[in-house]
């Protein structure tokens, strides 16, 4: 069954980017590319990706700075309310509105593989709100920023499935249980629907 997975790196205080959307804090961390919960193993199981417009623009700026090309071979959805420039030759689909409107297309395009919710945190939160986020894989860096883009700005209970060290990082994989238990008990949220 296809899972929607939010795979990301975060600071110790829960930010995925600083207030200027910089990832300089991340790029200088030591990591074993073949180590625990590594990107190459993860991406080999991904059939489709989805990201928000800020993440898309960051990826484009990064590829321009480094001289790289669009690095995703699978279909990509960008959730946006703005007009964005497509990457020539890349399978990128721009979508507006609720994430539930693209979920079935993501799963179909993934063709039995998983869907990567690339980011940002609010987009991952929208998938969680809809009961469509299955797992969170987070690389926790030994850095604090004090402010910036939050990892996952939602009140959720998670179940730890796996945790290990990858050089400078603590790498952990969680199952999304649902809304925070206290919210569910007070009527403020629901468990994630079974899929």
N, C-alpha and C. Protein backbone atom coordinates (compact mmCIF):
# COMPACT_ATOMS: atom_id res chain seq x y z
N UNK A 1 0.84 -1.18 0.00
CA UNK A 1 0.00 0.00 0.00
C UNK A 1 0.88 1.25 0.00
N UNK A 2 0.54 2.20 -0.79
CA UNK A 2 1.27 3.46 -0.88
C UNK A 2 1.10 4.26 0.40
N UNK A 3 2.23 4.74 0.91
CA UNK A 3 2.21 5.59 2.11
C UNK A 3 2.62 7.01 1.72
N UNK A 4 2.08 7.99 2.42
CA UNK A 4 2.53 9.38 2.29
C UNK A 4 3.50 9.62 3.44
N UNK A 5 4.74 9.98 3.09
CA UNK A 5 5.81 10.11 4.08
C UNK A 5 6.40 11.51 4.00
N UNK A 6 6.48 12.16 5.15
CA UNK A 6 7.15 13.45 5.26
C UNK A 6 8.57 13.16 5.71
N UNK A 7 9.54 13.29 4.79
CA UNK A 7 10.95 12.99 5.05
C UNK A 7 11.69 14.32 5.04
N UNK A 8 12.32 14.68 6.17
CA UNK A 8 12.91 16.01 6.28
C UNK A 8 14.01 16.03 7.32
N UNK A 9 14.70 17.15 7.40
CA UNK A 9 15.66 17.40 8.47
C UNK A 9 15.13 18.55 9.30
N UNK A 10 15.48 18.55 10.56
CA UNK A 10 15.02 19.58 11.47
C UNK A 10 16.10 19.93 12.47
N UNK A 11 15.97 21.12 13.04
CA UNK A 11 16.86 21.51 14.13
C UNK A 11 16.33 20.93 15.43
N UNK A 12 17.14 20.98 16.46
CA UNK A 12 16.72 20.48 17.77
C UNK A 12 15.47 21.21 18.27
N UNK A 13 15.32 22.49 17.92
CA UNK A 13 14.15 23.24 18.37
C UNK A 13 13.02 23.25 17.35
N UNK A 14 13.07 22.34 16.37
CA UNK A 14 11.91 22.08 15.53
C UNK A 14 11.70 22.97 14.33
N UNK A 15 12.80 23.44 13.71
CA UNK A 15 12.66 24.26 12.51
C UNK A 15 13.33 23.56 11.31
N UNK A 16 12.69 23.68 10.14
CA UNK A 16 13.25 23.08 8.93
C UNK A 16 14.00 24.09 8.08
N UNK A 17 13.83 25.37 8.40
CA UNK A 17 14.55 26.45 7.71
C UNK A 17 14.56 27.64 8.64
N UNK A 18 15.54 28.52 8.46
CA UNK A 18 15.58 29.72 9.30
C UNK A 18 14.56 30.74 8.77
N UNK A 19 14.42 31.90 9.43
CA UNK A 19 13.40 32.87 8.98
C UNK A 19 13.59 33.37 7.55
N UNK A 20 14.81 33.23 6.99
CA UNK A 20 15.08 33.63 5.61
C UNK A 20 15.02 32.45 4.65
N UNK A 21 14.48 31.32 5.10
CA UNK A 21 14.38 30.07 4.33
C UNK A 21 15.75 29.49 3.98
N UNK A 22 16.76 29.81 4.76
CA UNK A 22 18.10 29.26 4.53
C UNK A 22 18.22 27.88 5.18
N UNK A 23 18.96 27.02 4.49
CA UNK A 23 19.30 25.70 5.01
C UNK A 23 20.80 25.56 5.24
N UNK A 24 21.49 26.69 5.37
CA UNK A 24 22.93 26.63 5.59
C UNK A 24 23.29 25.78 6.81
N UNK A 25 22.47 25.87 7.86
CA UNK A 25 22.68 25.08 9.08
C UNK A 25 22.67 23.58 8.78
N UNK A 26 21.89 23.16 7.79
CA UNK A 26 21.77 21.76 7.43
C UNK A 26 22.92 21.30 6.55
N UNK A 27 23.27 22.11 5.59
CA UNK A 27 24.26 21.71 4.58
C UNK A 27 25.66 21.48 5.16
N UNK A 28 25.94 22.01 6.34
CA UNK A 28 27.27 21.83 6.93
C UNK A 28 27.36 20.64 7.88
N UNK A 29 26.26 19.88 8.06
CA UNK A 29 26.26 18.75 8.98
C UNK A 29 26.90 17.52 8.35
N UNK A 30 27.59 16.76 9.18
CA UNK A 30 28.23 15.52 8.74
C UNK A 30 27.20 14.40 8.73
N UNK A 31 27.16 13.67 7.61
CA UNK A 31 26.17 12.60 7.45
C UNK A 31 26.79 11.46 6.65
N UNK A 32 26.42 10.24 6.97
CA UNK A 32 26.82 9.06 6.21
C UNK A 32 25.76 8.82 5.14
N UNK A 33 26.10 9.09 3.89
CA UNK A 33 25.13 8.98 2.79
C UNK A 33 24.56 7.57 2.65
N UNK A 34 25.26 6.56 3.16
CA UNK A 34 24.75 5.20 3.11
C UNK A 34 24.26 4.72 4.46
N UNK A 35 24.18 5.62 5.43
CA UNK A 35 23.81 5.25 6.80
C UNK A 35 22.32 5.11 7.01
N UNK A 36 21.97 5.12 8.27
CA UNK A 36 20.59 4.88 8.69
C UNK A 36 19.61 5.86 8.06
N UNK A 37 18.50 5.33 7.60
CA UNK A 37 17.39 6.11 7.02
C UNK A 37 17.88 7.10 5.97
N UNK A 38 18.85 6.68 5.17
CA UNK A 38 19.49 7.59 4.20
C UNK A 38 18.58 7.92 3.02
N UNK A 39 18.92 9.02 2.39
CA UNK A 39 18.12 9.56 1.29
C UNK A 39 18.06 8.62 0.09
N UNK A 40 19.18 8.03 -0.29
CA UNK A 40 19.19 7.16 -1.49
C UNK A 40 18.25 5.98 -1.34
N UNK A 41 18.28 5.33 -0.18
CA UNK A 41 17.34 4.23 0.06
C UNK A 41 15.90 4.74 0.07
N UNK A 42 15.70 5.88 0.71
CA UNK A 42 14.35 6.44 0.79
C UNK A 42 13.81 6.78 -0.60
N UNK A 43 14.57 7.52 -1.38
CA UNK A 43 14.08 8.00 -2.68
C UNK A 43 13.84 6.85 -3.66
N UNK A 44 14.54 5.74 -3.48
CA UNK A 44 14.34 4.59 -4.37
C UNK A 44 12.94 3.99 -4.21
N UNK A 45 12.29 4.26 -3.09
CA UNK A 45 10.93 3.76 -2.86
C UNK A 45 9.84 4.78 -3.12
N UNK A 46 10.21 5.92 -3.72
CA UNK A 46 9.25 7.00 -3.94
C UNK A 46 8.81 7.02 -5.40
N UNK A 47 7.49 7.10 -5.62
CA UNK A 47 6.95 7.13 -6.98
C UNK A 47 6.38 8.47 -7.39
N UNK A 48 6.13 9.36 -6.42
CA UNK A 48 5.60 10.69 -6.70
C UNK A 48 5.95 11.59 -5.53
N UNK A 49 6.08 12.89 -5.81
CA UNK A 49 6.39 13.84 -4.74
C UNK A 49 5.41 15.00 -4.78
N UNK A 50 5.27 15.67 -3.64
CA UNK A 50 4.43 16.86 -3.54
C UNK A 50 5.14 17.84 -2.62
N UNK A 51 5.09 19.12 -3.00
CA UNK A 51 5.73 20.16 -2.19
C UNK A 51 4.93 21.44 -2.30
N UNK A 52 5.20 22.35 -1.37
CA UNK A 52 4.59 23.67 -1.41
C UNK A 52 5.40 24.61 -2.29
N UNK A 53 4.86 25.78 -2.54
CA UNK A 53 5.51 26.72 -3.45
C UNK A 53 6.82 27.27 -2.90
N UNK A 54 6.93 27.48 -1.59
CA UNK A 54 8.18 27.98 -1.01
C UNK A 54 9.28 26.94 -1.17
N UNK A 55 8.95 25.67 -0.94
CA UNK A 55 9.93 24.60 -1.13
C UNK A 55 10.34 24.51 -2.59
N UNK A 56 9.37 24.59 -3.48
CA UNK A 56 9.66 24.55 -4.92
C UNK A 56 10.63 25.67 -5.31
N UNK A 57 10.34 26.88 -4.84
CA UNK A 57 11.22 28.00 -5.18
C UNK A 57 12.61 27.83 -4.58
N UNK A 58 12.69 27.24 -3.37
CA UNK A 58 14.00 26.98 -2.77
C UNK A 58 14.77 25.97 -3.63
N UNK A 59 14.10 24.90 -4.06
CA UNK A 59 14.76 23.88 -4.89
C UNK A 59 15.27 24.51 -6.18
N UNK A 60 14.45 25.35 -6.82
CA UNK A 60 14.88 26.01 -8.05
C UNK A 60 16.08 26.92 -7.81
N UNK A 61 16.05 27.70 -6.74
CA UNK A 61 17.17 28.60 -6.42
C UNK A 61 18.43 27.80 -6.12
N UNK A 62 18.28 26.68 -5.41
CA UNK A 62 19.42 25.83 -5.08
C UNK A 62 20.04 25.23 -6.34
N UNK A 63 19.21 24.74 -7.24
CA UNK A 63 19.74 24.14 -8.48
C UNK A 63 20.42 25.20 -9.34
N UNK A 64 19.87 26.41 -9.34
CA UNK A 64 20.50 27.49 -10.10
C UNK A 64 21.87 27.86 -9.50
N UNK A 65 21.93 27.93 -8.16
CA UNK A 65 23.17 28.26 -7.47
C UNK A 65 24.25 27.21 -7.69
N UNK A 66 23.85 25.96 -7.67
CA UNK A 66 24.83 24.87 -7.75
C UNK A 66 25.07 24.39 -9.17
N UNK A 67 24.26 24.84 -10.12
CA UNK A 67 24.40 24.39 -11.50
C UNK A 67 23.82 23.02 -11.75
N UNK A 68 23.09 22.50 -10.78
CA UNK A 68 22.44 21.19 -10.93
C UNK A 68 21.16 21.35 -11.74
N UNK A 69 20.61 20.23 -12.16
CA UNK A 69 19.31 20.27 -12.83
C UNK A 69 18.25 19.74 -11.86
N UNK A 70 17.00 19.81 -12.27
CA UNK A 70 15.91 19.26 -11.47
C UNK A 70 16.24 17.81 -11.17
N UNK A 71 16.28 17.45 -9.91
CA UNK A 71 16.82 16.14 -9.55
C UNK A 71 15.78 15.05 -9.32
N UNK A 72 14.53 15.32 -9.66
CA UNK A 72 13.49 14.33 -9.43
C UNK A 72 13.00 13.75 -10.75
N UNK A 73 13.04 12.44 -10.85
CA UNK A 73 12.60 11.79 -12.09
C UNK A 73 11.12 11.43 -12.04
N UNK A 74 10.56 11.39 -10.84
CA UNK A 74 9.16 11.01 -10.69
C UNK A 74 8.25 12.24 -10.84
N UNK A 75 6.95 12.02 -11.08
CA UNK A 75 6.02 13.14 -11.18
C UNK A 75 6.01 13.96 -9.88
N UNK A 76 5.91 15.27 -10.03
CA UNK A 76 5.92 16.18 -8.89
C UNK A 76 4.71 17.09 -8.93
N UNK A 77 4.07 17.27 -7.80
CA UNK A 77 2.98 18.22 -7.65
C UNK A 77 3.49 19.37 -6.79
N UNK A 78 3.12 20.58 -7.16
CA UNK A 78 3.44 21.76 -6.37
C UNK A 78 2.12 22.41 -5.99
N UNK A 79 1.86 22.46 -4.69
CA UNK A 79 0.64 23.09 -4.20
C UNK A 79 0.92 24.59 -4.07
N UNK A 80 0.15 25.39 -4.80
CA UNK A 80 0.42 26.82 -4.83
C UNK A 80 -0.83 27.61 -5.16
N UNK A 81 -0.87 28.84 -4.69
CA UNK A 81 -1.93 29.76 -5.10
C UNK A 81 -1.37 30.82 -6.03
N UNK A 82 -0.09 30.68 -6.38
CA UNK A 82 0.58 31.66 -7.24
C UNK A 82 0.94 31.02 -8.57
N UNK A 83 1.25 31.85 -9.55
CA UNK A 83 1.76 31.36 -10.83
C UNK A 83 3.26 31.16 -10.69
N UNK A 84 3.72 29.95 -10.96
CA UNK A 84 5.14 29.62 -10.85
C UNK A 84 5.67 29.16 -12.19
N UNK A 85 6.96 29.29 -12.36
CA UNK A 85 7.62 28.91 -13.61
C UNK A 85 7.92 27.41 -13.58
N UNK A 86 7.49 26.66 -14.60
CA UNK A 86 7.81 25.23 -14.65
C UNK A 86 9.26 25.00 -15.06
N UNK A 87 9.75 23.82 -14.75
CA UNK A 87 11.09 23.42 -15.17
C UNK A 87 10.95 22.68 -16.49
N UNK A 88 11.61 23.17 -17.56
CA UNK A 88 11.50 22.50 -18.86
C UNK A 88 11.91 21.03 -18.76
N UNK A 89 11.07 20.17 -19.33
CA UNK A 89 11.37 18.75 -19.38
C UNK A 89 11.04 17.96 -18.12
N UNK A 90 10.63 18.65 -17.04
CA UNK A 90 10.29 17.96 -15.79
C UNK A 90 8.79 17.74 -15.71
N UNK A 91 8.39 16.64 -15.10
CA UNK A 91 6.98 16.31 -14.93
C UNK A 91 6.47 16.99 -13.66
N UNK A 92 6.12 18.27 -13.77
CA UNK A 92 5.67 19.06 -12.63
C UNK A 92 4.24 19.52 -12.90
N UNK A 93 3.39 19.31 -11.90
CA UNK A 93 1.98 19.68 -12.02
C UNK A 93 1.65 20.66 -10.89
N UNK A 94 1.15 21.81 -11.25
CA UNK A 94 0.78 22.82 -10.27
C UNK A 94 -0.68 22.63 -9.89
N UNK A 95 -0.96 22.71 -8.58
CA UNK A 95 -2.33 22.48 -8.10
C UNK A 95 -2.67 23.50 -7.03
N UNK A 96 -3.94 23.81 -6.95
CA UNK A 96 -4.45 24.75 -5.95
C UNK A 96 -5.45 24.04 -5.08
N UNK A 97 -5.65 24.58 -3.90
CA UNK A 97 -6.70 24.07 -3.04
C UNK A 97 -6.24 23.02 -2.05
N UNK A 98 -7.19 22.24 -1.63
CA UNK A 98 -7.01 21.24 -0.60
C UNK A 98 -6.16 20.07 -1.10
N UNK A 99 -5.31 19.52 -0.24
CA UNK A 99 -4.44 18.41 -0.64
C UNK A 99 -5.24 17.16 -1.00
N UNK A 100 -6.46 17.06 -0.49
CA UNK A 100 -7.27 15.89 -0.83
C UNK A 100 -7.61 15.84 -2.31
N UNK A 101 -7.56 16.99 -2.98
CA UNK A 101 -7.90 17.02 -4.41
C UNK A 101 -6.81 16.39 -5.28
N UNK A 102 -5.60 16.28 -4.77
CA UNK A 102 -4.51 15.69 -5.55
C UNK A 102 -4.06 14.34 -5.03
N UNK A 103 -4.56 13.94 -3.87
CA UNK A 103 -4.07 12.72 -3.23
C UNK A 103 -4.23 11.48 -4.13
N UNK A 104 -5.39 11.27 -4.69
CA UNK A 104 -5.61 10.08 -5.53
C UNK A 104 -4.69 10.09 -6.75
N UNK A 105 -4.45 11.27 -7.32
CA UNK A 105 -3.54 11.37 -8.46
C UNK A 105 -2.10 11.05 -8.04
N UNK A 106 -1.71 11.50 -6.85
CA UNK A 106 -0.37 11.19 -6.32
C UNK A 106 -0.19 9.68 -6.17
N UNK A 107 -1.17 9.04 -5.57
CA UNK A 107 -1.10 7.59 -5.35
C UNK A 107 -1.06 6.85 -6.68
N UNK A 108 -1.90 7.26 -7.63
CA UNK A 108 -1.91 6.61 -8.94
C UNK A 108 -0.56 6.78 -9.63
N UNK A 109 0.01 7.98 -9.58
CA UNK A 109 1.30 8.23 -10.22
C UNK A 109 2.42 7.46 -9.52
N UNK A 110 2.31 7.26 -8.21
CA UNK A 110 3.33 6.53 -7.47
C UNK A 110 3.40 5.07 -7.88
N UNK A 111 2.31 4.54 -8.43
CA UNK A 111 2.28 3.20 -9.00
C UNK A 111 2.83 2.14 -8.05
N UNK A 112 2.30 2.13 -6.84
CA UNK A 112 2.69 1.12 -5.85
C UNK A 112 3.85 1.54 -4.95
N UNK A 113 4.54 2.60 -5.31
CA UNK A 113 5.60 3.13 -4.45
C UNK A 113 4.98 4.15 -3.50
N UNK A 114 5.80 4.79 -2.68
CA UNK A 114 5.31 5.76 -1.72
C UNK A 114 5.31 7.17 -2.30
N UNK A 115 4.61 8.07 -1.61
CA UNK A 115 4.54 9.48 -1.95
C UNK A 115 5.37 10.24 -0.92
N UNK A 116 6.26 11.10 -1.41
CA UNK A 116 7.07 11.92 -0.51
C UNK A 116 6.45 13.31 -0.41
N UNK A 117 6.04 13.66 0.80
CA UNK A 117 5.61 15.02 1.10
C UNK A 117 6.91 15.77 1.42
N UNK A 118 7.45 16.47 0.42
CA UNK A 118 8.77 17.08 0.54
C UNK A 118 8.75 18.21 1.57
N UNK A 119 7.72 18.98 1.60
CA UNK A 119 7.63 20.10 2.54
C UNK A 119 6.94 21.26 1.89
N UNK A 120 6.75 22.24 2.66
CA UNK A 120 7.14 22.49 4.03
C UNK A 120 6.23 21.85 5.05
N UNK A 121 6.50 22.29 6.30
CA UNK A 121 5.81 21.72 7.44
C UNK A 121 4.31 21.92 7.41
N UNK A 122 3.86 23.07 6.93
CA UNK A 122 2.42 23.28 6.87
C UNK A 122 1.77 22.36 5.85
N UNK A 123 2.44 22.11 4.74
CA UNK A 123 1.89 21.17 3.75
C UNK A 123 1.78 19.77 4.36
N UNK A 124 2.81 19.34 5.07
CA UNK A 124 2.74 18.04 5.76
C UNK A 124 1.58 18.06 6.76
N UNK A 125 1.39 19.20 7.43
CA UNK A 125 0.28 19.33 8.35
C UNK A 125 -1.07 19.23 7.68
N UNK A 126 -1.18 19.75 6.47
CA UNK A 126 -2.44 19.63 5.72
C UNK A 126 -2.73 18.16 5.40
N UNK A 127 -1.70 17.41 5.05
CA UNK A 127 -1.89 15.97 4.82
C UNK A 127 -2.31 15.29 6.12
N UNK A 128 -1.69 15.66 7.24
CA UNK A 128 -2.06 15.08 8.53
C UNK A 128 -3.50 15.44 8.89
N UNK A 129 -3.88 16.70 8.69
CA UNK A 129 -5.25 17.13 8.98
C UNK A 129 -6.28 16.29 8.23
N UNK A 130 -5.94 15.91 7.01
CA UNK A 130 -6.86 15.13 6.18
C UNK A 130 -6.76 13.63 6.44
N UNK A 131 -5.89 13.23 7.38
CA UNK A 131 -5.73 11.80 7.67
C UNK A 131 -4.95 11.08 6.58
N UNK A 132 -4.13 11.81 5.82
CA UNK A 132 -3.42 11.24 4.68
C UNK A 132 -1.91 11.13 4.88
N UNK A 133 -1.41 11.53 6.03
CA UNK A 133 0.03 11.44 6.31
C UNK A 133 0.27 10.20 7.14
N UNK A 134 1.05 9.26 6.60
CA UNK A 134 1.28 7.99 7.28
C UNK A 134 2.51 8.00 8.19
N UNK A 135 3.60 8.59 7.71
CA UNK A 135 4.85 8.56 8.47
C UNK A 135 5.58 9.89 8.39
N UNK A 136 6.41 10.12 9.40
CA UNK A 136 7.35 11.23 9.42
C UNK A 136 8.73 10.63 9.65
N UNK A 137 9.67 10.95 8.77
CA UNK A 137 11.07 10.57 8.95
C UNK A 137 11.82 11.88 9.13
N UNK A 138 12.46 12.02 10.29
CA UNK A 138 13.13 13.28 10.60
C UNK A 138 14.59 13.04 10.96
N UNK A 139 15.46 13.82 10.37
CA UNK A 139 16.87 13.87 10.73
C UNK A 139 17.03 15.06 11.66
N UNK A 140 17.35 14.83 12.91
CA UNK A 140 17.46 15.87 13.92
C UNK A 140 18.92 16.33 14.01
N UNK A 141 19.15 17.60 13.66
CA UNK A 141 20.50 18.16 13.63
C UNK A 141 20.84 18.83 14.96
N UNK A 142 22.13 18.83 15.32
CA UNK A 142 22.56 19.45 16.57
C UNK A 142 22.69 20.97 16.42
N UNK A 143 21.56 21.62 16.13
CA UNK A 143 21.51 23.06 15.89
C UNK A 143 20.20 23.58 16.47
N UNK A 144 20.22 24.79 17.00
CA UNK A 144 18.98 25.48 17.33
C UNK A 144 18.97 26.81 16.59
N UNK A 145 17.80 27.21 16.12
CA UNK A 145 17.67 28.46 15.36
C UNK A 145 16.85 29.52 16.11
N UNK A 146 15.99 29.11 17.00
CA UNK A 146 15.17 30.06 17.74
C UNK A 146 13.95 30.56 17.01
N UNK A 147 13.97 30.47 15.69
CA UNK A 147 12.83 30.92 14.88
C UNK A 147 13.01 30.37 13.47
N UNK A 148 11.93 30.38 12.70
CA UNK A 148 12.01 29.92 11.32
C UNK A 148 10.76 29.17 10.92
N UNK A 149 10.93 28.29 9.95
CA UNK A 149 9.81 27.47 9.44
C UNK A 149 9.69 26.23 10.31
N UNK A 150 8.52 26.04 10.91
CA UNK A 150 8.31 24.92 11.83
C UNK A 150 8.32 23.58 11.11
N UNK A 151 8.80 22.57 11.82
CA UNK A 151 8.85 21.21 11.31
C UNK A 151 7.46 20.71 10.92
N UNK A 152 6.51 20.82 11.82
CA UNK A 152 5.16 20.31 11.58
C UNK A 152 4.20 21.04 12.53
N UNK A 153 3.68 22.17 12.10
CA UNK A 153 2.88 23.00 13.00
C UNK A 153 1.46 22.46 13.22
N UNK A 154 1.40 21.30 13.83
CA UNK A 154 0.14 20.64 14.17
C UNK A 154 0.30 19.95 15.52
N UNK A 155 -0.82 19.65 16.15
CA UNK A 155 -0.83 18.91 17.42
C UNK A 155 -1.14 17.46 17.08
N UNK A 156 -0.09 16.63 17.05
CA UNK A 156 -0.22 15.23 16.63
C UNK A 156 0.44 14.29 17.61
N UNK A 157 -0.12 13.11 17.73
CA UNK A 157 0.56 12.02 18.40
C UNK A 157 1.24 11.18 17.34
N UNK A 158 2.47 10.77 17.62
CA UNK A 158 3.26 9.94 16.72
C UNK A 158 3.73 8.72 17.49
N UNK A 159 3.97 7.63 16.79
CA UNK A 159 4.54 6.43 17.39
C UNK A 159 5.93 6.22 16.82
N UNK A 160 6.93 6.14 17.69
CA UNK A 160 8.30 5.92 17.25
C UNK A 160 8.43 4.50 16.71
N UNK A 161 8.88 4.37 15.47
CA UNK A 161 9.08 3.06 14.84
C UNK A 161 10.56 2.68 14.78
N UNK A 162 11.43 3.71 14.69
CA UNK A 162 12.85 3.45 14.49
C UNK A 162 13.63 4.70 14.86
N UNK A 163 14.77 4.52 15.54
CA UNK A 163 15.63 5.67 15.86
C UNK A 163 17.08 5.20 15.92
N UNK A 164 17.97 6.00 15.36
CA UNK A 164 19.38 5.66 15.34
C UNK A 164 20.20 6.92 15.07
N UNK A 165 21.50 6.79 15.15
CA UNK A 165 22.38 7.91 14.83
C UNK A 165 22.93 7.75 13.43
N UNK A 166 23.00 8.88 12.72
CA UNK A 166 23.70 8.94 11.44
C UNK A 166 24.66 10.13 11.55
N UNK A 167 25.88 9.83 11.97
CA UNK A 167 26.92 10.83 12.23
C UNK A 167 26.38 11.96 13.09
N UNK A 168 26.22 13.19 12.56
CA UNK A 168 25.79 14.33 13.37
C UNK A 168 24.30 14.27 13.73
N UNK A 169 23.53 13.45 13.06
CA UNK A 169 22.08 13.44 13.20
C UNK A 169 21.56 12.30 14.06
N UNK A 170 20.43 12.55 14.67
CA UNK A 170 19.57 11.47 15.18
C UNK A 170 18.53 11.27 14.09
N UNK A 171 18.44 10.07 13.56
CA UNK A 171 17.48 9.77 12.51
C UNK A 171 16.34 8.95 13.12
N UNK A 172 15.11 9.41 12.91
CA UNK A 172 13.97 8.74 13.52
C UNK A 172 12.81 8.63 12.52
N UNK A 173 12.09 7.52 12.65
CA UNK A 173 10.92 7.28 11.80
C UNK A 173 9.72 7.07 12.71
N UNK A 174 8.63 7.78 12.39
CA UNK A 174 7.42 7.75 13.22
C UNK A 174 6.20 7.40 12.38
N UNK A 175 5.25 6.72 12.99
CA UNK A 175 3.92 6.52 12.40
C UNK A 175 3.04 7.64 12.94
N UNK A 176 2.25 8.25 12.06
CA UNK A 176 1.31 9.28 12.50
C UNK A 176 0.09 8.58 13.09
N UNK A 177 -0.14 8.80 14.38
CA UNK A 177 -1.27 8.19 15.08
C UNK A 177 -2.53 8.99 14.83
N UNK A 178 -2.43 10.30 14.96
CA UNK A 178 -3.58 11.17 14.75
C UNK A 178 -3.45 12.43 15.57
N UNK A 179 -4.56 13.12 15.71
CA UNK A 179 -4.57 14.34 16.52
C UNK A 179 -4.13 14.01 17.93
N UNK A 180 -3.58 14.99 18.62
CA UNK A 180 -3.12 14.83 19.99
C UNK A 180 -4.24 14.24 20.84
N UNK A 181 -3.92 13.26 21.67
CA UNK A 181 -4.93 12.56 22.48
C UNK A 181 -5.80 13.55 23.27
N UNK A 182 -5.18 14.56 23.85
CA UNK A 182 -5.95 15.54 24.63
C UNK A 182 -6.96 16.26 23.77
N UNK A 183 -6.62 16.53 22.52
CA UNK A 183 -7.55 17.18 21.60
C UNK A 183 -8.69 16.25 21.23
N UNK A 184 -8.35 14.97 21.01
CA UNK A 184 -9.39 13.99 20.67
C UNK A 184 -10.37 13.84 21.83
N UNK A 185 -9.84 13.78 23.06
CA UNK A 185 -10.70 13.56 24.22
C UNK A 185 -11.59 14.76 24.51
N UNK A 186 -11.13 15.95 24.13
CA UNK A 186 -11.93 17.15 24.37
C UNK A 186 -12.85 17.46 23.17
N UNK A 187 -12.79 16.60 22.15
CA UNK A 187 -13.63 16.80 20.97
C UNK A 187 -13.01 17.70 19.94
N UNK A 188 -11.72 18.05 20.12
CA UNK A 188 -11.06 18.98 19.20
C UNK A 188 -10.39 18.31 18.01
N UNK A 189 -10.41 16.99 17.96
CA UNK A 189 -9.75 16.32 16.82
C UNK A 189 -10.18 14.88 16.73
N UNK A 190 -9.83 14.24 15.66
CA UNK A 190 -10.19 12.85 15.40
C UNK A 190 -8.94 12.04 15.18
N UNK A 191 -9.05 10.73 15.41
CA UNK A 191 -7.97 9.83 14.98
C UNK A 191 -7.90 9.85 13.48
N UNK A 192 -6.75 9.52 12.96
CA UNK A 192 -6.60 9.42 11.51
C UNK A 192 -7.47 8.26 11.02
N UNK A 193 -8.20 8.44 9.94
CA UNK A 193 -8.98 7.34 9.41
C UNK A 193 -8.09 6.23 8.88
N UNK A 194 -8.53 5.00 9.08
CA UNK A 194 -7.76 3.86 8.56
C UNK A 194 -7.87 3.83 7.04
N UNK A 195 -6.70 3.55 6.40
CA UNK A 195 -6.72 3.46 4.94
C UNK A 195 -6.18 2.12 4.56
